[in-house]
Amino acid sequence: MTTKPKAKKFRVRRSPARAAQEARAEAVPVTPPGGAARTNGAPAGALPAGDAAAAMSGQVSTAAEARADSDINAIRKEGLTGRQLRMARRVAQKHNLPATSDFDAVRMLRAKGIDPFGRANMLEQVVQPNSAQPAGGVPVPGSVQLPQTIPAAKTTLPSTELSPAERRNKEIAEIQHGITKRRRKKLLALTARLVFFVGLPTVAAGYYYYNVATPMYATKSEFLILTSDGSGGAVGGLLSGTQFATSQDSIAVQGFLQSKDAMLRLDRDAGFKAHFTQPWIDPIQRLTDAPTNEEAYKTFKKNIKIGYDPTEGVIRMEVSAADPGVSAEFSRKLISYAEQRVNQLSVKKRDDQMTDALSALELAEEQRRQAQGALVGLQQQGAILDPEGVIVSLRQQISTFEVQLQERELELAALLDNLRPNKAKVAGAEGDIARLQNHIARLNERMISASAGENSLASLSVKIQMAQADLATRDLMLQSALQQVEQTRMEANRQVRYLTTAVEPVPSQEASYPRKFENTLLAFLIFSGIYLMVSLTASILREQVSS
């Protein structure tokens, strides 16, 4: 901020000619308003000296004092400021004028021809060479005598020329005024844009929510999908599901209730489309007279809200409609659809598990029949039920006859040791030995024929053993399949799903939607965000283009 330089003040020098002129001016008679001429404050027809002395002896003011008082009163009426009065007092002190007050200082300075409020100029103190006066102090016509008085009736204007400091202050003020004007214009433009792009849409949205929107009644309900409690002891406890065992079924039911299939069933059973095509519903929420499935499905998704809480396993459903009774009816229908879907899922899951177990059991039974038939065929092929037993019997017979042969040989040896053996006994022993040897030979031949060739008793015995082992294996597999079937049946019974309604749908008495204040505030925030994003994008693009 710049400060104005203080103007220098100078004392005005008066030449001797000017002093003489002022002395002559004081001696000129003045005609007051009363009509009598005065000379130095006295009327033209002055009183004699005695009468004057008598008049001066009282408390009557002189004409000069009365004129001074009238001049001071006139100066008071000019409305001078305190700064101007103080300046006049200082100027009077510089000129050694005995002023009794600030107004008297103004009067005396004006009487001397000095402007008490004007700035002194150096040129005013220089005596002009062409202003010479002739003897006697009479001014030359056309010459300018300084200082000079200004007639009261003549008004003057200040000079249009400004000092550098004033010019600089004026330019700064103009710049500040221009900045303020531009800021005001920008503020008005911003206010207009905000009103047009944010205020009007928000007012329109609020008008719709408060005056046009049809009230919607919401019906809330909750239901769970549970499994049957298993009672199989420790094994049943291990096989039973956890608290999250029904999460997949719950998610599947939630998806079904939000599907177009559920909407079509609801329209077929309860008239969903007919309800939302009624003429008293506002145009934004109302469907057309012949809505398509896609249009009805959009309205269905907007008015049917379903949520699944995995921590508690609860499915929460909220159904909105223009009538509270219709809303409760829609909710009950959807819960019945969910229950049917849960039953279908349980039956299908149980059938799938039992089908697999029964198929495995049938396969095990068929394979056991085949193994048993193969064993019976092998036994019938050799006409011997137990070839291995036959071979064991032959071996036992051979061993027995060999023991008897050894005994007869020992007995023959004992008879031959006599000097005169009994020929009959010797002959009998030799006959027994020969018969035993022949019988053992025949048995050995049977053994040889039983263990040689493809149809021998040995090969037949091996085949029978393999068939018996295969039959035993099929028996085990059949037993395992039977156990699997029973176990699957028990597990399927434990995994049956049940839909339990925790909160029944009850018609609402007050409208839940639209939420007027919340929706209006949300509309304001949305429009404000859109305007902010668009304005920032435009500013960035403008800066990029101008750079």
Protein backbone atom coordinates (compact mmCIF):
# COMPACT_ATOMS: atom_id res chain seq x y z
CA MET A 1 0.00 0.00 0.00
CA THR A 2 1.49 3.30 -1.06
CA THR A 3 1.32 6.51 0.94
CA LYS A 4 0.97 9.93 -0.50
CA PRO A 5 4.02 12.09 -0.08
CA LYS A 6 3.52 15.06 2.12
CA ALA A 7 3.37 18.33 0.26
CA LYS A 8 5.97 20.85 1.22
CA LYS A 9 4.67 24.11 2.64
CA PHE A 10 6.35 27.44 1.93
CA ARG A 11 5.92 30.93 3.30
CA VAL A 12 4.71 33.46 0.79
CA ARG A 13 6.89 36.46 0.46
CA ARG A 14 5.20 39.77 -0.11
CA SER A 15 6.90 42.52 -1.97
CA PRO A 16 6.83 46.15 -0.72
CA ALA A 17 4.47 47.03 -3.56
CA ARG A 18 2.06 44.29 -2.42
CA ALA A 19 2.20 45.60 1.17
CA ALA A 20 1.41 49.08 -0.04
CA GLN A 21 -1.48 47.77 -2.12
CA GLU A 22 -2.93 45.96 0.91
CA ALA A 23 -2.59 49.15 2.97
CA ARG A 24 -4.49 51.07 0.34
CA ALA A 25 -7.17 48.41 0.22
CA GLU A 26 -7.68 48.73 3.95
CA ALA A 27 -8.17 52.46 3.60
CA VAL A 28 -10.87 52.09 0.89
CA PRO A 29 -14.32 52.87 2.33
CA VAL A 30 -16.67 49.87 2.48
CA THR A 31 -20.41 50.21 2.25
CA PRO A 32 -22.15 47.86 4.60
CA PRO A 33 -25.63 46.46 4.07
CA GLY A 34 -27.05 49.20 6.25
CA GLY A 35 -26.08 51.84 3.69
CA ALA A 36 -23.41 53.88 5.60
CA ALA A 37 -19.86 53.93 4.28
CA ARG A 38 -17.04 52.87 6.59
CA THR A 39 -13.35 53.59 6.53
CA ASN A 40 -11.30 51.10 8.51
CA GLY A 41 -14.40 49.95 10.26
CA ALA A 42 -15.90 53.52 10.89
CA PRO A 43 -18.91 54.99 9.06
CA ALA A 44 -18.42 57.79 6.55
CA GLY A 45 -20.13 60.29 8.72
CA ALA A 46 -17.87 59.81 11.75
CA LEU A 47 -18.94 61.23 15.08
CA PRO A 48 -17.04 64.01 16.72
CA ALA A 49 -14.17 63.05 18.93
CA GLY A 50 -16.16 63.61 22.09
CA ASP A 51 -19.06 61.56 20.97
CA ALA A 52 -16.68 58.81 19.77
CA ALA A 53 -14.97 58.75 23.13
CA ALA A 54 -18.36 58.56 24.77
CA ALA A 55 -19.40 55.70 22.50
CA MET A 56 -16.17 53.80 23.04
CA SER A 57 -16.51 53.95 26.77
CA GLY A 58 -19.32 51.24 26.77
CA GLN A 59 -19.31 47.42 26.11
CA VAL A 60 -20.32 47.81 22.47
CA SER A 61 -18.25 45.79 19.88
CA THR A 62 -16.61 47.62 17.11
CA ALA A 63 -17.56 47.20 13.47
CA ALA A 64 -14.32 45.25 12.79
CA GLU A 65 -15.11 42.83 15.59
CA ALA A 66 -18.68 42.39 14.38
CA ARG A 67 -17.42 41.75 10.82
CA ALA A 68 -14.90 39.22 12.18
CA ASP A 69 -17.64 37.43 14.09
CA SER A 70 -19.85 37.25 11.01
CA ASP A 71 -16.92 35.92 8.94
CA ILE A 72 -16.16 33.27 11.55
CA ASN A 73 -19.82 32.23 11.59
CA ALA A 74 -19.77 31.93 7.83
CA ILE A 75 -16.60 29.81 8.05
CA ARG A 76 -18.26 27.57 10.62
CA LYS A 77 -21.10 26.91 8.21
CA GLU A 78 -18.65 25.68 5.54
CA GLY A 79 -18.28 22.36 7.39
CA LEU A 80 -14.51 22.27 7.50
CA THR A 81 -12.85 19.18 8.90
CA GLY A 82 -10.58 19.11 11.89
CA ARG A 83 -7.59 18.34 9.67
CA GLN A 84 -8.28 21.44 7.57
CA LEU A 85 -8.64 23.59 10.69
CA ARG A 86 -5.37 22.29 12.12
CA MET A 87 -3.65 22.97 8.80
CA ALA A 88 -5.00 26.56 8.83
CA ARG A 89 -3.68 27.07 12.39
CA ARG A 90 -0.23 25.87 11.35
CA VAL A 91 -0.20 28.11 8.27
CA ALA A 92 -1.26 31.11 10.44
CA GLN A 93 1.56 30.37 12.88
CA LYS A 94 4.04 30.24 9.98
CA HIS A 95 2.85 33.71 8.88
CA ASN A 96 2.94 35.05 12.45
CA LEU A 97 -0.75 35.83 12.53
CA PRO A 98 -2.27 36.23 16.03
CA ALA A 99 -5.21 33.87 15.52
CA THR A 100 -7.31 33.18 18.59
CA SER A 101 -8.94 30.00 17.13
CA ASP A 102 -8.83 27.74 14.11
CA PHE A 103 -11.71 29.57 12.45
CA ASP A 104 -10.04 32.92 13.20
CA ALA A 105 -6.86 31.56 11.59
CA VAL A 106 -8.87 30.72 8.45
CA ARG A 107 -10.40 34.23 8.46
CA MET A 108 -7.07 36.02 8.92
CA LEU A 109 -5.35 33.91 6.22
CA ARG A 110 -8.14 34.64 3.76
CA ALA A 111 -7.95 38.30 4.68
CA LYS A 112 -4.26 38.19 3.84
CA GLY A 113 -5.01 36.47 0.55
CA ILE A 114 -3.49 33.13 1.58
CA ASP A 115 -5.27 29.87 0.83
CA PRO A 116 -5.13 27.97 4.16
CA PHE A 117 -5.84 24.58 2.51
CA GLY A 118 -3.87 24.74 -0.75
CA ARG A 119 -0.43 23.23 -1.24
CA ALA A 120 2.35 25.80 -1.65
CA ASN A 121 4.16 25.92 -4.98
CA MET A 122 7.69 27.07 -5.45
CA LEU A 123 6.67 29.24 -8.35
CA GLU A 124 4.30 31.18 -6.11
CA GLN A 125 7.27 32.45 -4.07
CA VAL A 126 9.16 33.77 -7.08
CA VAL A 127 8.42 37.37 -7.98
CA GLN A 128 7.59 37.64 -11.67
CA PRO A 129 9.82 40.13 -13.47
CA ASN A 130 6.95 41.48 -15.57
CA SER A 131 4.89 42.35 -12.54
CA ALA A 132 6.67 45.60 -11.80
CA GLN A 133 4.46 48.30 -10.50
CA PRO A 134 4.84 51.99 -11.03
CA ALA A 135 5.47 54.29 -8.17
CA GLY A 136 2.50 54.62 -5.98
CA GLY A 137 1.71 50.85 -5.92
CA VAL A 138 -0.91 50.92 -8.64
CA PRO A 139 -0.86 47.61 -10.50
CA VAL A 140 -0.36 47.52 -14.22
CA PRO A 141 -3.46 46.46 -16.08
CA GLY A 142 -3.23 42.81 -17.18
CA SER A 143 -0.53 41.94 -14.63
CA VAL A 144 -1.05 39.16 -12.05
CA GLN A 145 -0.38 40.02 -8.45
CA LEU A 146 0.39 37.12 -6.10
CA PRO A 147 -1.07 36.12 -3.79
CA GLN A 148 -4.56 37.04 -5.00
CA THR A 149 -8.03 36.27 -3.70
CA ILE A 150 -10.60 34.19 -5.53
CA PRO A 151 -14.10 35.60 -5.93
CA ALA A 152 -16.65 33.76 -3.81
CA ALA A 153 -19.09 33.33 -6.69
CA LYS A 154 -16.50 31.64 -8.93
CA THR A 155 -16.08 27.90 -8.50
CA THR A 156 -12.87 26.19 -9.53
CA LEU A 157 -12.11 22.50 -10.20
CA PRO A 158 -9.01 20.60 -9.13
CA SER A 159 -6.40 19.81 -11.67
CA THR A 160 -6.83 16.62 -13.70
CA GLU A 161 -3.16 15.89 -13.59
CA LEU A 162 -2.22 13.25 -10.99
CA SER A 163 1.03 12.64 -9.26
CA PRO A 164 2.79 9.31 -9.89
CA ALA A 165 1.75 7.99 -6.47
CA GLU A 166 -1.88 8.93 -7.06
CA ARG A 167 -1.76 7.45 -10.57
CA ARG A 168 -0.29 4.23 -9.16
CA ASN A 169 -2.95 4.07 -6.45
CA LYS A 170 -5.63 4.68 -9.03
CA GLU A 171 -4.30 1.88 -11.26
CA ILE A 172 -4.08 -0.51 -8.29
CA ALA A 173 -7.65 0.35 -7.33
CA GLU A 174 -8.78 -0.29 -10.92
CA ILE A 175 -6.98 -3.67 -10.94
CA GLN A 176 -8.53 -4.63 -7.61
CA HIS A 177 -11.93 -3.55 -8.88
CA GLY A 178 -11.44 -5.65 -12.03
CA ILE A 179 -10.39 -8.69 -9.98
CA THR A 180 -13.40 -8.28 -7.70
CA LYS A 181 -15.67 -7.93 -10.71
CA ARG A 182 -14.26 -11.05 -12.39
CA ARG A 183 -14.54 -13.02 -9.14
CA ARG A 184 -18.15 -11.90 -8.79
CA LYS A 185 -18.88 -12.97 -12.36
CA LYS A 186 -17.21 -16.37 -11.82
CA LEU A 187 -19.09 -16.85 -8.55
CA LEU A 188 -22.38 -16.02 -10.25
CA ALA A 189 -21.56 -18.42 -13.12
CA LEU A 190 -20.62 -21.18 -10.66
CA THR A 191 -23.82 -20.60 -8.72
CA ALA A 192 -25.85 -20.77 -11.92
CA ARG A 193 -24.16 -24.03 -12.97
CA LEU A 194 -24.69 -25.57 -9.55
CA VAL A 195 -28.33 -24.55 -9.56
CA PHE A 196 -28.86 -25.90 -13.09
CA PHE A 197 -26.87 -29.14 -12.86
CA VAL A 198 -27.29 -30.00 -9.14
CA GLY A 199 -30.09 -27.98 -7.60
CA LEU A 200 -32.80 -28.48 -10.22
CA PRO A 201 -32.26 -32.28 -10.57
CA THR A 202 -32.25 -32.63 -6.79
CA VAL A 203 -35.46 -30.63 -6.50
CA ALA A 204 -37.03 -32.76 -9.25
CA ALA A 205 -35.97 -35.96 -7.47
CA GLY A 206 -37.29 -34.67 -4.15
CA TYR A 207 -40.59 -33.68 -5.75
CA TYR A 208 -40.92 -37.16 -7.21
CA TYR A 209 -40.16 -38.91 -3.92
CA TYR A 210 -42.44 -36.66 -1.84
CA ASN A 211 -45.39 -36.14 -4.21
CA VAL A 212 -45.38 -38.62 -7.11
CA ALA A 213 -43.82 -41.92 -5.98
CA THR A 214 -46.27 -44.67 -5.03
CA PRO A 215 -45.65 -45.98 -1.49
CA MET A 216 -44.40 -49.57 -1.41
CA TYR A 217 -45.05 -51.92 1.50
CA ALA A 218 -42.25 -54.36 2.35
CA THR A 219 -42.83 -57.78 3.96
CA LYS A 220 -39.80 -59.34 5.63
CA SER A 221 -39.31 -63.04 6.34
CA GLU A 222 -36.49 -65.40 7.31
CA PHE A 223 -36.05 -69.13 6.79
CA LEU A 224 -33.34 -71.75 7.23
CA ILE A 225 -32.37 -74.99 5.48
CA LEU A 226 -31.55 -77.72 8.04
CA THR A 227 -30.55 -81.38 7.97
CA SER A 228 -31.97 -84.20 10.06
CA ASP A 229 -30.14 -84.97 13.30
CA GLY A 230 -28.11 -88.20 12.97
CA SER A 231 -28.25 -90.69 15.84
CA GLY A 232 -25.51 -93.12 14.91
CA GLY A 233 -23.31 -92.73 17.94
CA ALA A 234 -19.71 -91.70 17.46
CA VAL A 235 -19.69 -92.79 13.83
CA GLY A 236 -22.90 -90.91 13.18
CA GLY A 237 -21.44 -87.82 14.82
CA LEU A 238 -18.37 -88.01 12.62
CA LEU A 239 -20.45 -88.49 9.49
CA SER A 240 -22.92 -85.76 10.29
CA GLY A 241 -22.41 -82.39 8.59
CA THR A 242 -21.09 -79.20 10.13
CA GLN A 243 -23.06 -75.98 10.58
CA PHE A 244 -22.04 -74.98 7.07
CA ALA A 245 -23.16 -78.26 5.50
CA THR A 246 -26.27 -76.62 4.00
CA SER A 247 -24.50 -73.53 2.60
CA GLN A 248 -24.54 -74.86 -0.95
CA ASP A 249 -28.24 -75.68 -0.73
CA SER A 250 -28.96 -72.24 0.72
CA ILE A 251 -27.04 -70.54 -2.08
CA ALA A 252 -28.88 -72.68 -4.63
CA VAL A 253 -32.26 -71.72 -3.13
CA GLN A 254 -31.28 -68.06 -3.07
CA GLY A 255 -30.36 -68.21 -6.75
CA PHE A 256 -33.63 -69.95 -7.57
CA LEU A 257 -35.73 -67.31 -5.79
CA GLN A 258 -33.93 -64.58 -7.75
CA SER A 259 -34.34 -66.35 -11.08
CA LYS A 260 -36.76 -65.75 -13.93
CA ASP A 261 -38.29 -69.19 -13.27
CA ALA A 262 -39.46 -68.04 -9.83
CA MET A 263 -40.85 -64.83 -11.35
CA LEU A 264 -42.84 -66.78 -13.97
CA ARG A 265 -44.23 -69.14 -11.32
CA LEU A 266 -45.18 -66.18 -9.12
CA ASP A 267 -46.91 -64.47 -12.04
CA ARG A 268 -48.73 -67.69 -12.89
CA ASP A 269 -49.89 -68.31 -9.31
CA ALA A 270 -50.32 -64.80 -7.82
CA GLY A 271 -50.43 -62.36 -10.80
CA PHE A 272 -47.16 -60.49 -10.41
CA LYS A 273 -47.42 -58.66 -13.73
CA ALA A 274 -51.07 -57.76 -13.20
CA HIS A 275 -50.28 -56.13 -9.85
CA PHE A 276 -47.54 -53.86 -11.22
CA THR A 277 -49.55 -52.83 -14.32
CA GLN A 278 -52.29 -51.14 -12.30
CA PRO A 279 -52.88 -47.52 -13.41
CA TRP A 280 -52.65 -45.94 -9.94
CA ILE A 281 -48.96 -46.88 -9.62
CA ASP A 282 -46.58 -44.08 -10.62
CA PRO A 283 -45.16 -44.26 -14.17
CA ILE A 284 -41.61 -45.02 -13.07
CA GLN A 285 -42.58 -48.11 -11.06
CA ARG A 286 -45.51 -49.17 -13.23
CA LEU A 287 -45.15 -51.79 -15.97
CA THR A 288 -46.60 -51.35 -19.40
CA ASP A 289 -49.95 -52.87 -20.32
CA ALA A 290 -48.36 -55.90 -22.00
CA PRO A 291 -44.91 -56.21 -20.39
CA THR A 292 -42.37 -58.70 -21.61
CA ASN A 293 -40.74 -61.20 -19.30
CA GLU A 294 -37.53 -59.17 -19.31
CA GLU A 295 -39.30 -55.98 -18.21
CA ALA A 296 -41.20 -57.85 -15.52
CA TYR A 297 -37.99 -59.53 -14.40
CA LYS A 298 -36.30 -56.14 -13.91
CA THR A 299 -39.19 -55.06 -11.68
CA PHE A 300 -39.04 -58.44 -9.91
CA LYS A 301 -35.34 -58.04 -9.09
CA LYS A 302 -35.95 -54.49 -7.86
CA ASN A 303 -38.78 -55.48 -5.51
CA ILE A 304 -37.55 -58.92 -4.35
CA LYS A 305 -34.42 -58.71 -2.21
CA ILE A 306 -32.88 -61.92 -0.88
CA GLY A 307 -29.71 -62.22 1.20
CA TYR A 308 -27.89 -65.19 2.70
CA ASP A 309 -25.93 -64.90 5.93
CA PRO A 310 -23.23 -67.63 5.88
CA THR A 311 -22.34 -67.13 9.56
CA GLU A 312 -25.85 -67.97 10.74
CA GLY A 313 -27.15 -69.91 7.75
CA VAL A 314 -30.27 -67.71 7.54
CA ILE A 315 -31.86 -66.58 4.28
CA ARG A 316 -33.52 -63.16 4.64
CA MET A 317 -36.12 -62.11 2.08
CA GLU A 318 -37.86 -58.76 1.61
CA VAL A 319 -40.78 -58.48 -0.83
CA SER A 320 -42.14 -55.04 -1.81
CA ALA A 321 -45.52 -54.37 -3.39
CA ALA A 322 -48.02 -51.53 -3.65
CA ASP A 323 -50.45 -53.39 -1.35
CA PRO A 324 -49.41 -54.92 2.02
CA GLY A 325 -51.64 -58.00 1.56
CA VAL A 326 -50.26 -58.68 -1.90
CA SER A 327 -46.72 -58.29 -0.56
CA ALA A 328 -47.35 -60.92 2.15
CA GLU A 329 -48.95 -63.25 -0.41
CA PHE A 330 -45.93 -62.93 -2.72
CA SER A 331 -43.64 -63.73 0.21
CA ARG A 332 -45.59 -66.87 1.17
CA LYS A 333 -45.60 -68.09 -2.41
CA LEU A 334 -41.85 -67.65 -2.74
CA ILE A 335 -41.25 -69.53 0.53
CA SER A 336 -43.37 -72.43 -0.76
CA TYR A 337 -41.35 -72.47 -3.99
CA ALA A 338 -38.15 -72.58 -1.93
CA GLU A 339 -39.47 -75.48 0.14
CA GLN A 340 -40.35 -77.44 -2.99
CA ARG A 341 -36.92 -76.81 -4.43
CA VAL A 342 -35.24 -77.99 -1.20
CA ASN A 343 -37.30 -81.18 -1.26
CA GLN A 344 -36.35 -81.77 -4.87
CA LEU A 345 -32.69 -81.27 -4.09
CA SER A 346 -32.90 -83.72 -1.16
CA VAL A 347 -34.72 -86.37 -3.18
CA LYS A 348 -32.36 -86.03 -6.09
CA LYS A 349 -29.30 -86.23 -3.86
CA ARG A 350 -30.66 -89.25 -2.04
CA ASP A 351 -31.61 -91.00 -5.27
CA ASP A 352 -28.17 -90.36 -6.73
CA GLN A 353 -26.42 -91.83 -3.70
CA MET A 354 -28.72 -94.85 -3.46
CA THR A 355 -28.53 -95.49 -7.20
CA ASP A 356 -24.76 -95.73 -7.08
CA ALA A 357 -24.82 -98.05 -4.04
CA LEU A 358 -27.50 -100.31 -5.52
CA SER A 359 -25.64 -100.49 -8.83
CA ALA A 360 -22.50 -101.61 -6.99
CA LEU A 361 -24.52 -104.24 -5.09
CA GLU A 362 -26.06 -105.62 -8.28
CA LEU A 363 -22.64 -105.86 -9.92
CA ALA A 364 -21.20 -107.72 -6.91
CA GLU A 365 -24.10 -110.16 -6.92
CA GLU A 366 -23.70 -110.85 -10.64
CA GLN A 367 -19.98 -111.45 -10.30
CA ARG A 368 -20.56 -113.84 -7.38
CA ARG A 369 -23.05 -115.80 -9.44
CA GLN A 370 -20.54 -116.08 -12.24
CA ALA A 371 -17.80 -117.30 -9.87
CA GLN A 372 -20.09 -119.84 -8.29
CA GLY A 373 -21.19 -121.12 -11.72
CA ALA A 374 -17.60 -121.51 -12.82
CA LEU A 375 -16.84 -123.62 -9.70
CA VAL A 376 -19.82 -125.83 -10.25
CA GLY A 377 -18.85 -126.32 -13.90
CA LEU A 378 -15.34 -127.38 -12.96
CA GLN A 379 -16.68 -129.85 -10.44
CA GLN A 380 -19.10 -131.30 -12.97
CA GLN A 381 -16.38 -131.50 -15.65
CA GLY A 382 -14.28 -134.12 -13.81
CA ALA A 383 -17.24 -135.93 -12.20
CA ILE A 384 -15.40 -135.48 -8.97
CA LEU A 385 -16.49 -133.03 -6.44
CA ASP A 386 -13.12 -132.99 -4.67
CA PRO A 387 -10.12 -133.93 -6.86
CA GLU A 388 -7.72 -132.93 -4.18
CA GLY A 389 -9.40 -135.28 -1.76
CA VAL A 390 -9.06 -138.11 -4.31
CA ILE A 391 -5.34 -137.45 -4.65
CA VAL A 392 -4.92 -137.35 -0.90
CA SER A 393 -6.82 -140.63 -0.62
CA LEU A 394 -4.59 -142.31 -3.20
CA ARG A 395 -1.54 -141.12 -1.39
CA GLN A 396 -2.84 -142.47 1.89
CA GLN A 397 -3.67 -145.82 0.28
CA ILE A 398 -0.24 -146.07 -1.29
CA SER A 399 1.38 -145.30 2.06
CA THR A 400 -0.77 -147.88 3.84
CA PHE A 401 -0.02 -150.62 1.31
CA GLU A 402 3.66 -149.83 1.37
CA VAL A 403 3.66 -150.28 5.14
CA GLN A 404 1.89 -153.63 4.77
CA LEU A 405 4.38 -154.65 2.03
CA GLN A 406 7.28 -153.89 4.35
CA GLU A 407 5.67 -155.97 7.09
CA ARG A 408 5.20 -158.97 4.75
CA GLU A 409 8.77 -158.64 3.52
CA LEU A 410 10.00 -158.66 7.11
CA GLU A 411 7.80 -161.65 7.88
CA LEU A 412 9.14 -163.52 4.78
CA ALA A 413 12.66 -162.70 5.81
CA ALA A 414 11.95 -164.08 9.27
CA LEU A 415 10.59 -167.34 7.78
CA LEU A 416 13.54 -167.73 5.44
CA ASP A 417 15.96 -167.45 8.35
CA ASN A 418 14.82 -170.85 9.67
CA LEU A 419 16.75 -173.97 8.64
CA ARG A 420 13.60 -175.66 7.68
CA PRO A 421 11.10 -172.94 6.85
CA ASN A 422 7.45 -173.73 6.49
CA LYS A 423 6.85 -173.80 2.82
CA ALA A 424 3.20 -172.97 3.15
CA LYS A 425 3.89 -169.91 5.23
CA VAL A 426 6.71 -168.85 2.91
CA ALA A 427 4.49 -169.25 -0.08
CA GLY A 428 1.69 -167.28 1.62
CA ALA A 429 4.07 -164.46 2.54
CA GLU A 430 5.45 -164.32 -0.96
CA GLY A 431 1.93 -164.24 -2.38
CA ASP A 432 0.93 -161.41 -0.04
CA ILE A 433 4.06 -159.46 -1.05
CA ALA A 434 3.33 -159.92 -4.74
CA ARG A 435 -0.31 -158.86 -4.32
CA LEU A 436 0.73 -155.74 -2.35
CA GLN A 437 3.31 -154.75 -4.94
CA ASN A 438 0.78 -155.12 -7.76
CA HIS A 439 -1.78 -153.01 -5.89
CA ILE A 440 0.78 -150.30 -5.09
CA ALA A 441 1.77 -150.26 -8.76
CA ARG A 442 -1.84 -149.75 -9.82
CA LEU A 443 -2.20 -146.93 -7.30
CA ASN A 444 0.94 -145.28 -8.58
CA GLU A 445 -0.40 -145.52 -12.12
CA ARG A 446 -3.59 -143.79 -10.99
CA MET A 447 -1.52 -141.09 -9.32
CA ILE A 448 0.49 -140.64 -12.48
CA SER A 449 -2.63 -140.38 -14.63
CA ALA A 450 -4.19 -137.89 -12.13
CA SER A 451 -1.22 -135.48 -12.19
CA ALA A 452 -0.41 -135.57 -15.94
CA GLY A 453 -2.33 -133.80 -18.78
CA GLU A 454 -4.83 -130.93 -18.92
CA ASN A 455 -7.72 -132.95 -17.62
CA SER A 456 -5.74 -134.49 -14.78
CA LEU A 457 -6.91 -134.36 -11.23
CA ALA A 458 -4.07 -131.94 -10.39
CA SER A 459 -5.05 -129.38 -13.01
CA LEU A 460 -8.67 -129.85 -12.17
CA SER A 461 -7.86 -129.34 -8.52
CA VAL A 462 -5.97 -126.14 -9.26
CA LYS A 463 -8.84 -124.79 -11.33
CA ILE A 464 -11.29 -125.63 -8.60
CA GLN A 465 -9.10 -123.92 -6.02
CA MET A 466 -8.92 -120.79 -8.18
CA ALA A 467 -12.66 -120.85 -8.67
CA GLN A 468 -13.16 -121.22 -4.96
CA ALA A 469 -10.82 -118.30 -4.27
CA ASP A 470 -12.68 -116.20 -6.85
CA LEU A 471 -15.96 -117.14 -5.22
CA ALA A 472 -14.62 -116.16 -1.81
CA THR A 473 -13.54 -112.80 -3.23
CA ARG A 474 -16.93 -112.20 -4.76
CA ASP A 475 -18.51 -113.08 -1.45
CA LEU A 476 -16.41 -110.40 0.23
CA MET A 477 -17.30 -107.87 -2.45
CA LEU A 478 -20.96 -108.71 -2.13
CA GLN A 479 -20.76 -108.29 1.63
CA SER A 480 -19.01 -104.92 1.19
CA ALA A 481 -21.64 -103.81 -1.32
CA LEU A 482 -24.40 -104.72 1.11
CA GLN A 483 -22.70 -102.73 3.87
CA GLN A 484 -22.26 -99.80 1.48
CA VAL A 485 -25.93 -99.86 0.59
CA GLU A 486 -26.97 -99.81 4.22
CA GLN A 487 -24.47 -97.09 5.05
CA THR A 488 -25.58 -94.99 2.06
CA ARG A 489 -29.20 -95.37 3.07
CA MET A 490 -28.40 -94.16 6.58
CA GLU A 491 -26.31 -91.27 5.28
CA ALA A 492 -29.02 -90.28 2.79
CA ASN A 493 -31.56 -90.29 5.58
CA ARG A 494 -29.29 -88.04 7.63
CA GLN A 495 -28.72 -85.66 4.69
CA VAL A 496 -32.38 -84.94 4.02
CA ARG A 497 -32.90 -81.13 3.88
CA TYR A 498 -35.77 -79.38 5.62
CA LEU A 499 -36.83 -75.76 5.13
CA THR A 500 -37.83 -74.10 8.39
CA THR A 501 -39.44 -70.66 8.42
CA ALA A 502 -37.98 -68.62 11.27
CA VAL A 503 -39.92 -65.36 10.62
CA GLU A 504 -43.33 -65.64 9.04
CA PRO A 505 -44.36 -62.93 6.52
CA VAL A 506 -46.66 -60.36 8.15
CA PRO A 507 -48.35 -57.52 6.17
CA SER A 508 -46.92 -54.09 6.90
CA GLN A 509 -49.13 -51.20 8.07
CA GLU A 510 -46.77 -48.40 6.97
CA ALA A 511 -45.03 -47.87 3.68
CA SER A 512 -41.36 -48.74 3.68
CA TYR A 513 -40.46 -47.14 0.36
CA PRO A 514 -39.65 -44.65 -0.94
CA ARG A 515 -37.38 -43.25 1.76
CA LYS A 516 -37.96 -39.64 0.87
CA PHE A 517 -35.23 -37.78 2.70
CA GLU A 518 -32.57 -40.45 2.23
CA ASN A 519 -33.29 -40.79 -1.48
CA THR A 520 -33.31 -37.01 -1.99
CA LEU A 521 -30.00 -36.67 -0.17
CA LEU A 522 -28.58 -39.54 -2.20
CA ALA A 523 -29.72 -37.84 -5.42
CA PHE A 524 -28.00 -34.62 -4.32
CA LEU A 525 -24.75 -36.47 -3.62
CA ILE A 526 -24.92 -38.30 -6.95
CA PHE A 527 -25.55 -35.13 -8.98
CA SER A 528 -22.83 -33.28 -7.03
CA GLY A 529 -20.36 -36.07 -7.72
CA ILE A 530 -21.22 -36.12 -11.42
CA TYR A 531 -20.85 -32.34 -11.68
CA LEU A 532 -17.54 -32.44 -9.81
CA MET A 533 -16.15 -35.17 -12.06
CA VAL A 534 -17.28 -33.41 -15.25
CA SER A 535 -15.95 -30.02 -14.11
CA LEU A 536 -12.58 -31.47 -13.10
CA THR A 537 -12.30 -33.32 -16.41
CA ALA A 538 -13.18 -30.16 -18.35
CA SER A 539 -10.63 -28.12 -16.36
CA ILE A 540 -7.89 -30.67 -16.99
CA LEU A 541 -8.68 -30.83 -20.71
CA ARG A 542 -8.78 -27.02 -20.96
CA GLU A 543 -5.41 -26.79 -19.22
CA GLN A 544 -3.92 -29.44 -21.50
CA VAL A 545 -5.20 -27.69 -24.61
CA SER A 546 -4.06 -24.23 -23.53
CA SER A 547 -0.59 -25.39 -22.43
